[in-house]
Amino acid sequence: MATTSYVLEILSPVGQNGKPDPYAPKTTFEVIVSSFSGEPLIYLRLADPRGGERAFALGKDQAITLHDGLTRAAAYLRYID
């Protein structure tokens, strides 16, 4: 199985006012599916501008919970119907 990137977003950290700070260093957030570990998994990768990187592997239940939570939050804010 090849590694496939599904989402690549550039995120701004939250400033003192609770809103994204457009002038602060950005973090890259990526959702990847890969069988790097020998089995297909979803990985969340975060990379900061100083070269630091962290990756998190999601199991099936975690992926579903994260999906449901983001969908409900987006619907609450009326980002989606």
PDB file of N, CA and C in Angstrom:
ATOM      1  N   MET A   1       0.848  -1.181   0.000  1.00  0.00           N
ATOM      2  CA  MET A   1       0.000   0.000   0.000  1.00  0.00           C
ATOM      3  C   MET A   1       0.890   1.239   0.000  1.00  0.00           C
ATOM      4  N   ALA A   2       0.616   2.151  -0.874  1.00  0.00           N
ATOM      5  CA  ALA A   2       1.361   3.399  -0.944  1.00  0.00           C
ATOM      6  C   ALA A   2       0.924   4.342   0.170  1.00  0.00           C
ATOM      7  N   THR A   3       1.767   5.307   0.441  1.00  0.00           N
ATOM      8  CA  THR A   3       1.412   6.355   1.389  1.00  0.00           C
ATOM      9  C   THR A   3       0.618   7.411   0.641  1.00  0.00           C
ATOM     10  N   THR A   4      -0.541   7.767   1.178  1.00  0.00           N
ATOM     11  CA  THR A   4      -1.410   8.753   0.549  1.00  0.00           C
ATOM     12  C   THR A   4      -1.729   9.852   1.543  1.00  0.00           C
ATOM     13  N   SER A   5      -1.563  11.101   1.114  1.00  0.00           N
ATOM     14  CA  SER A   5      -1.915  12.257   1.937  1.00  0.00           C
ATOM     15  C   SER A   5      -3.332  12.693   1.578  1.00  0.00           C
ATOM     16  N   TYR A   6      -4.182  12.837   2.584  1.00  0.00           N
ATOM     17  CA  TYR A   6      -5.572  13.215   2.353  1.00  0.00           C
ATOM     18  C   TYR A   6      -5.854  14.665   2.692  1.00  0.00           C
ATOM     19  N   VAL A   7      -5.125  15.216   3.644  1.00  0.00           N
ATOM     20  CA  VAL A   7      -5.328  16.608   4.050  1.00  0.00           C
ATOM     21  C   VAL A   7      -3.965  17.203   4.371  1.00  0.00           C
ATOM     22  N   LEU A   8      -3.727  18.410   3.891  1.00  0.00           N
ATOM     23  CA  LEU A   8      -2.537  19.164   4.255  1.00  0.00           C
ATOM     24  C   LEU A   8      -3.001  20.587   4.526  1.00  0.00           C
ATOM     25  N   GLU A   9      -2.934  20.995   5.768  1.00  0.00           N
ATOM     26  CA  GLU A   9      -3.390  22.328   6.160  1.00  0.00           C
ATOM     27  C   GLU A   9      -2.272  23.062   6.887  1.00  0.00           C
ATOM     28  N   ILE A  10      -2.194  24.357   6.668  1.00  0.00           N
ATOM     29  CA  ILE A  10      -1.262  25.209   7.387  1.00  0.00           C
ATOM     30  C   ILE A  10      -2.073  25.911   8.476  1.00  0.00           C
ATOM     31  N   LEU A  11      -1.699  25.680   9.737  1.00  0.00           N
ATOM     32  CA  LEU A  11      -2.463  26.188  10.871  1.00  0.00           C
ATOM     33  C   LEU A  11      -1.703  27.296  11.591  1.00  0.00           C
ATOM     34  N   SER A  12      -2.444  28.320  12.000  1.00  0.00           N
ATOM     35  CA  SER A  12      -1.880  29.400  12.804  1.00  0.00           C
ATOM     36  C   SER A  12      -2.136  29.117  14.272  1.00  0.00           C
ATOM     37  N   PRO A  13      -1.145  29.361  15.141  1.00  0.00           N
ATOM     38  CA  PRO A  13      -1.399  29.190  16.567  1.00  0.00           C
ATOM     39  C   PRO A  13      -2.368  30.259  17.066  1.00  0.00           C
ATOM     40  N   VAL A  14      -2.977  29.993  18.191  1.00  0.00           N
ATOM     41  CA  VAL A  14      -3.933  30.928  18.785  1.00  0.00           C
ATOM     42  C   VAL A  14      -3.158  31.997  19.548  1.00  0.00           C
ATOM     43  N   GLY A  15      -3.545  33.260  19.332  1.00  0.00           N
ATOM     44  CA  GLY A  15      -2.914  34.373  20.028  1.00  0.00           C
ATOM     45  C   GLY A  15      -3.574  34.651  21.372  1.00  0.00           C
ATOM     46  N   GLN A  16      -3.143  35.709  22.028  1.00  0.00           N
ATOM     47  CA  GLN A  16      -3.669  36.096  23.340  1.00  0.00           C
ATOM     48  C   GLN A  16      -5.160  36.408  23.303  1.00  0.00           C
ATOM     49  N   ASN A  17      -5.669  36.808  22.145  1.00  0.00           N
ATOM     50  CA  ASN A  17      -7.086  37.155  22.012  1.00  0.00           C
ATOM     51  C   ASN A  17      -7.970  35.944  21.719  1.00  0.00           C
ATOM     52  N   GLY A  18      -7.381  34.755  21.661  1.00  0.00           N
ATOM     53  CA  GLY A  18      -8.156  33.544  21.404  1.00  0.00           C
ATOM     54  C   GLY A  18      -8.422  33.280  19.935  1.00  0.00           C
ATOM     55  N   LYS A  19      -7.873  34.105  19.055  1.00  0.00           N
ATOM     56  CA  LYS A  19      -8.063  33.943  17.611  1.00  0.00           C
ATOM     57  C   LYS A  19      -6.740  33.534  16.968  1.00  0.00           C
ATOM     58  N   PRO A  20      -6.803  32.943  15.766  1.00  0.00           N
ATOM     59  CA  PRO A  20      -5.553  32.587  15.084  1.00  0.00           C
ATOM     60  C   PRO A  20      -4.668  33.818  14.885  1.00  0.00           C
ATOM     61  N   ASP A  21      -3.390  33.678  15.187  1.00  0.00           N
ATOM     62  CA  ASP A  21      -2.421  34.760  15.023  1.00  0.00           C
ATOM     63  C   ASP A  21      -1.762  34.606  13.653  1.00  0.00           C
ATOM     64  N   PRO A  22      -2.124  35.463  12.690  1.00  0.00           N
ATOM     65  CA  PRO A  22      -1.603  35.299  11.333  1.00  0.00           C
ATOM     66  C   PRO A  22      -0.105  35.586  11.219  1.00  0.00           C
ATOM     67  N   TYR A  23       0.486  36.201  12.245  1.00  0.00           N
ATOM     68  CA  TYR A  23       1.900  36.570  12.189  1.00  0.00           C
ATOM     69  C   TYR A  23       2.807  35.570  12.901  1.00  0.00           C
ATOM     70  N   ALA A  24       2.241  34.656  13.656  1.00  0.00           N
ATOM     71  CA  ALA A  24       3.031  33.658  14.386  1.00  0.00           C
ATOM     72  C   ALA A  24       3.473  32.547  13.432  1.00  0.00           C
ATOM     73  N   PRO A  25       4.563  31.854  13.765  1.00  0.00           N
ATOM     74  CA  PRO A  25       5.005  30.732  12.929  1.00  0.00           C
ATOM     75  C   PRO A  25       3.909  29.669  12.795  1.00  0.00           C
ATOM     76  N   LYS A  26       3.747  29.175  11.610  1.00  0.00           N
ATOM     77  CA  LYS A  26       2.672  28.225  11.298  1.00  0.00           C
ATOM     78  C   LYS A  26       3.100  26.780  11.563  1.00  0.00           C
ATOM     79  N   THR A  27       2.105  25.924  11.753  1.00  0.00           N
ATOM     80  CA  THR A  27       2.314  24.489  11.893  1.00  0.00           C
ATOM     81  C   THR A  27       1.617  23.794  10.731  1.00  0.00           C
ATOM     82  N   THR A  28       2.279  22.838  10.122  1.00  0.00           N
ATOM     83  CA  THR A  28       1.684  22.045   9.053  1.00  0.00           C
ATOM     84  C   THR A  28       1.011  20.824   9.671  1.00  0.00           C
ATOM     85  N   PHE A  29      -0.237  20.593   9.296  1.00  0.00           N
ATOM     86  CA  PHE A  29      -1.026  19.459   9.782  1.00  0.00           C
ATOM     87  C   PHE A  29      -1.366  18.604   8.575  1.00  0.00           C
ATOM     88  N   GLU A  30      -1.064  17.317   8.665  1.00  0.00           N
ATOM     89  CA  GLU A  30      -1.315  16.428   7.533  1.00  0.00           C
ATOM     90  C   GLU A  30      -1.957  15.133   8.014  1.00  0.00           C
ATOM     91  N   VAL A  31      -2.915  14.640   7.229  1.00  0.00           N
ATOM     92  CA  VAL A  31      -3.542  13.344   7.484  1.00  0.00           C
ATOM     93  C   VAL A  31      -3.068  12.402   6.383  1.00  0.00           C
ATOM     94  N   ILE A  32      -2.460  11.300   6.809  1.00  0.00           N
ATOM     95  CA  ILE A  32      -1.831  10.355   5.889  1.00  0.00           C
ATOM     96  C   ILE A  32      -2.349   8.950   6.175  1.00  0.00           C
ATOM     97  N   VAL A  33      -2.514   8.150   5.128  1.00  0.00           N
ATOM     98  CA  VAL A  33      -2.767   6.716   5.287  1.00  0.00           C
ATOM     99  C   VAL A  33      -1.552   5.994   4.722  1.00  0.00           C
ATOM    100  N   SER A  34      -0.995   5.093   5.522  1.00  0.00           N
ATOM    101  CA  SER A  34       0.194   4.359   5.106  1.00  0.00           C
ATOM    102  C   SER A  34       0.251   3.013   5.807  1.00  0.00           C
ATOM    103  N   SER A  35       0.935   2.078   5.185  1.00  0.00           N
ATOM    104  CA  SER A  35       1.187   0.786   5.822  1.00  0.00           C
ATOM    105  C   SER A  35       2.649   0.709   6.255  1.00  0.00           C
ATOM    106  N   PHE A  36       3.218   1.845   6.582  1.00  0.00           N
ATOM    107  CA  PHE A  36       4.605   1.951   7.018  1.00  0.00           C
ATOM    108  C   PHE A  36       4.921   0.968   8.140  1.00  0.00           C
ATOM    109  N   SER A  37       3.975   0.772   9.060  1.00  0.00           N
ATOM    110  CA  SER A  37       4.193  -0.102  10.222  1.00  0.00           C
ATOM    111  C   SER A  37       3.926  -1.573   9.909  1.00  0.00           C
ATOM    112  N   GLY A  38       3.518  -1.869   8.679  1.00  0.00           N
ATOM    113  CA  GLY A  38       3.183  -3.237   8.315  1.00  0.00           C
ATOM    114  C   GLY A  38       1.687  -3.456   8.186  1.00  0.00           C
ATOM    115  N   GLU A  39       0.910  -2.534   8.707  1.00  0.00           N
ATOM    116  CA  GLU A  39      -0.544  -2.581   8.550  1.00  0.00           C
ATOM    117  C   GLU A  39      -1.022  -1.172   8.214  1.00  0.00           C
ATOM    118  N   PRO A  40      -2.090  -1.040   7.436  1.00  0.00           N
ATOM    119  CA  PRO A  40      -2.562   0.296   7.085  1.00  0.00           C
ATOM    120  C   PRO A  40      -3.110   1.023   8.311  1.00  0.00           C
ATOM    121  N   LEU A  41      -2.625   2.247   8.513  1.00  0.00           N
ATOM    122  CA  LEU A  41      -3.075   3.092   9.618  1.00  0.00           C
ATOM    123  C   LEU A  41      -3.231   4.522   9.129  1.00  0.00           C
ATOM    124  N   ILE A  42      -3.998   5.297   9.881  1.00  0.00           N
ATOM    125  CA  ILE A  42      -4.107   6.733   9.650  1.00  0.00           C
ATOM    126  C   ILE A  42      -3.096   7.410  10.569  1.00  0.00           C
ATOM    127  N   TYR A  43      -2.326   8.317   9.989  1.00  0.00           N
ATOM    128  CA  TYR A  43      -1.353   9.077  10.767  1.00  0.00           C
ATOM    129  C   TYR A  43      -1.714  10.557  10.714  1.00  0.00           C
ATOM    130  N   LEU A  44      -1.583  11.221  11.851  1.00  0.00           N
ATOM    131  CA  LEU A  44      -1.670  12.672  11.919  1.00  0.00           C
ATOM    132  C   LEU A  44      -0.240  13.172  12.089  1.00  0.00           C
ATOM    133  N   ARG A  45       0.194  14.038  11.194  1.00  0.00           N
ATOM    134  CA  ARG A  45       1.559  14.557  11.259  1.00  0.00           C
ATOM    135  C   ARG A  45       1.510  16.059  11.460  1.00  0.00           C
ATOM    136  N   LEU A  46       2.254  16.543  12.454  1.00  0.00           N
ATOM    137  CA  LEU A  46       2.369  17.970  12.723  1.00  0.00           C
ATOM    138  C   LEU A  46       3.830  18.366  12.600  1.00  0.00           C
ATOM    139  N   ALA A  47       4.099  19.407  11.819  1.00  0.00           N
ATOM    140  CA  ALA A  47       5.465  19.880  11.624  1.00  0.00           C
ATOM    141  C   ALA A  47       5.510  21.375  11.896  1.00  0.00           C
ATOM    142  N   ASP A  48       6.459  21.790  12.749  1.00  0.00           N
ATOM    143  CA  ASP A  48       6.577  23.215  13.049  1.00  0.00           C
ATOM    144  C   ASP A  48       7.664  23.837  12.172  1.00  0.00           C
ATOM    145  N   PRO A  49       7.710  25.175  12.115  1.00  0.00           N
ATOM    146  CA  PRO A  49       8.649  25.831  11.205  1.00  0.00           C
ATOM    147  C   PRO A  49      10.118  25.656  11.599  1.00  0.00           C
ATOM    148  N   ARG A  50      10.393  25.208  12.819  1.00  0.00           N
ATOM    149  CA  ARG A  50      11.777  24.992  13.257  1.00  0.00           C
ATOM    150  C   ARG A  50      12.275  23.597  12.886  1.00  0.00           C
ATOM    151  N   GLY A  51      11.436  22.822  12.204  1.00  0.00           N
ATOM    152  CA  GLY A  51      11.836  21.488  11.781  1.00  0.00           C
ATOM    153  C   GLY A  51      11.389  20.381  12.714  1.00  0.00           C
ATOM    154  N   GLY A  52      10.722  20.732  13.805  1.00  0.00           N
ATOM    155  CA  GLY A  52      10.193  19.711  14.704  1.00  0.00           C
ATOM    156  C   GLY A  52       8.998  19.015  14.072  1.00  0.00           C
ATOM    157  N   GLU A  53       8.911  17.736  14.292  1.00  0.00           N
ATOM    158  CA  GLU A  53       7.807  16.964  13.704  1.00  0.00           C
ATOM    159  C   GLU A  53       7.333  15.908  14.694  1.00  0.00           C
ATOM    160  N   ARG A  54       6.009  15.735  14.765  1.00  0.00           N
ATOM    161  CA  ARG A  54       5.410  14.674  15.578  1.00  0.00           C
ATOM    162  C   ARG A  54       4.372  13.972  14.733  1.00  0.00           C
ATOM    163  N   ALA A  55       4.290  12.669  14.896  1.00  0.00           N
ATOM    164  CA  ALA A  55       3.297  11.875  14.174  1.00  0.00           C
ATOM    165  C   ALA A  55       2.546  11.022  15.181  1.00  0.00           C
ATOM    166  N   PHE A  56       1.257  10.858  14.935  1.00  0.00           N
ATOM    167  CA  PHE A  56       0.384  10.081  15.797  1.00  0.00           C
ATOM    168  C   PHE A  56      -0.367   9.081  14.935  1.00  0.00           C
ATOM    169  N   ALA A  57      -0.391   7.825  15.349  1.00  0.00           N
ATOM    170  CA  ALA A  57      -1.131   6.787  14.629  1.00  0.00           C
ATOM    171  C   ALA A  57      -2.503   6.645  15.268  1.00  0.00           C
ATOM    172  N   LEU A  58      -3.544   6.583  14.437  1.00  0.00           N
ATOM    173  CA  LEU A  58      -4.913   6.437  14.923  1.00  0.00           C
ATOM    174  C   LEU A  58      -5.424   5.036  14.642  1.00  0.00           C
ATOM    175  N   GLY A  59      -6.057   4.458  15.626  1.00  0.00           N
ATOM    176  CA  GLY A  59      -6.788   3.227  15.411  1.00  0.00           C
ATOM    177  C   GLY A  59      -8.159   3.546  14.833  1.00  0.00           C
ATOM    178  N   LYS A  60      -8.904   2.528  14.486  1.00  0.00           N
ATOM    179  CA  LYS A  60     -10.221   2.702  13.874  1.00  0.00           C
ATOM    180  C   LYS A  60     -11.142   3.529  14.765  1.00  0.00           C
ATOM    181  N   ASP A  61     -11.250   3.180  16.048  1.00  0.00           N
ATOM    182  CA  ASP A  61     -12.152   3.901  16.950  1.00  0.00           C
ATOM    183  C   ASP A  61     -11.731   5.353  17.123  1.00  0.00           C
ATOM    184  N   GLN A  62     -10.430   5.612  17.217  1.00  0.00           N
ATOM    185  CA  GLN A  62      -9.952   6.986  17.347  1.00  0.00           C
ATOM    186  C   GLN A  62     -10.270   7.795  16.094  1.00  0.00           C
ATOM    187  N   ALA A  63     -10.096   7.203  14.926  1.00  0.00           N
ATOM    188  CA  ALA A  63     -10.388   7.902  13.676  1.00  0.00           C
ATOM    189  C   ALA A  63     -11.872   8.257  13.590  1.00  0.00           C
ATOM    190  N   ILE A  64     -12.728   7.328  13.974  1.00  0.00           N
ATOM    191  CA  ILE A  64     -14.175   7.577  13.933  1.00  0.00           C
ATOM    192  C   ILE A  64     -14.561   8.651  14.940  1.00  0.00           C
ATOM    193  N   THR A  65     -14.001   8.589  16.151  1.00  0.00           N
ATOM    194  CA  THR A  65     -14.304   9.587  17.181  1.00  0.00           C
ATOM    195  C   THR A  65     -13.852  10.975  16.746  1.00  0.00           C
ATOM    196  N   LEU A  66     -12.646  11.078  16.177  1.00  0.00           N
ATOM    197  CA  LEU A  66     -12.144  12.363  15.699  1.00  0.00           C
ATOM    198  C   LEU A  66     -13.019  12.899  14.573  1.00  0.00           C
ATOM    199  N   HIS A  67     -13.380  12.047  13.634  1.00  0.00           N
ATOM    200  CA  HIS A  67     -14.267  12.446  12.540  1.00  0.00           C
ATOM    201  C   HIS A  67     -15.597  12.967  13.076  1.00  0.00           C
ATOM    202  N   ASP A  68     -16.212  12.206  13.974  1.00  0.00           N
ATOM    203  CA  ASP A  68     -17.509  12.605  14.528  1.00  0.00           C
ATOM    204  C   ASP A  68     -17.406  13.926  15.284  1.00  0.00           C
ATOM    205  N   GLY A  69     -16.356  14.084  16.079  1.00  0.00           N
ATOM    206  CA  GLY A  69     -16.183  15.315  16.847  1.00  0.00           C
ATOM    207  C   GLY A  69     -16.004  16.533  15.963  1.00  0.00           C
ATOM    208  N   LEU A  70     -15.163  16.433  14.942  1.00  0.00           N
ATOM    209  CA  LEU A  70     -14.963  17.553  14.023  1.00  0.00           C
ATOM    210  C   LEU A  70     -16.225  17.861  13.229  1.00  0.00           C
ATOM    211  N   THR A  71     -16.946  16.832  12.817  1.00  0.00           N
ATOM    212  CA  THR A  71     -18.194  17.036  12.078  1.00  0.00           C
ATOM    213  C   THR A  71     -19.226  17.748  12.945  1.00  0.00           C
ATOM    214  N   ARG A  72     -19.375  17.313  14.198  1.00  0.00           N
ATOM    215  CA  ARG A  72     -20.340  17.961  15.099  1.00  0.00           C
ATOM    216  C   ARG A  72     -19.941  19.403  15.397  1.00  0.00           C
ATOM    217  N   ALA A  73     -18.650  19.651  15.622  1.00  0.00           N
ATOM    218  CA  ALA A  73     -18.186  21.011  15.897  1.00  0.00           C
ATOM    219  C   ALA A  73     -18.412  21.918  14.686  1.00  0.00           C
ATOM    220  N   ALA A  74     -18.110  21.426  13.485  1.00  0.00           N
ATOM    221  CA  ALA A  74     -18.320  22.218  12.270  1.00  0.00           C
ATOM    222  C   ALA A  74     -19.799  22.489  12.043  1.00  0.00           C
ATOM    223  N   ALA A  75     -20.644  21.511  12.316  1.00  0.00           N
ATOM    224  CA  ALA A  75     -22.091  21.709  12.168  1.00  0.00           C
ATOM    225  C   ALA A  75     -22.596  22.723  13.192  1.00  0.00           C
ATOM    226  N   TYR A  76     -22.092  22.655  14.416  1.00  0.00           N
ATOM    227  CA  TYR A  76     -22.499  23.596  15.464  1.00  0.00           C
ATOM    228  C   TYR A  76     -22.179  25.032  15.051  1.00  0.00           C
ATOM    229  N   LEU A  77     -21.024  25.231  14.438  1.00  0.00           N
ATOM    230  CA  LEU A  77     -20.630  26.565  13.976  1.00  0.00           C
ATOM    231  C   LEU A  77     -21.229  26.913  12.620  1.00  0.00           C
ATOM    232  N   ARG A  78     -22.045  26.004  12.085  1.00  0.00           N
ATOM    233  CA  ARG A  78     -22.699  26.175  10.790  1.00  0.00           C
ATOM    234  C   ARG A  78     -21.701  26.281   9.637  1.00  0.00           C
ATOM    235  N   TYR A  79     -20.535  25.653   9.809  1.00  0.00           N
ATOM    236  CA  TYR A  79     -19.589  25.550   8.699  1.00  0.00           C
ATOM    237  C   TYR A  79     -20.123  24.584   7.662  1.00  0.00           C
ATOM    238  N   ILE A  80     -20.909  23.589   8.135  1.00  0.00           N
ATOM    239  CA  ILE A  80     -21.537  22.610   7.256  1.00  0.00           C
ATOM    240  C   ILE A  80     -22.987  22.448   7.677  1.00  0.00           C
ATOM    241  N   ASP A  81     -23.803  21.912   6.793  1.00  0.00           N
ATOM    242  CA  ASP A  81     -25.214  21.674   7.120  1.00  0.00           C
ATOM    243  C   ASP A  81     -25.413  20.260   7.600  1.00  0.00           C
TER     244      ASP A  81
END
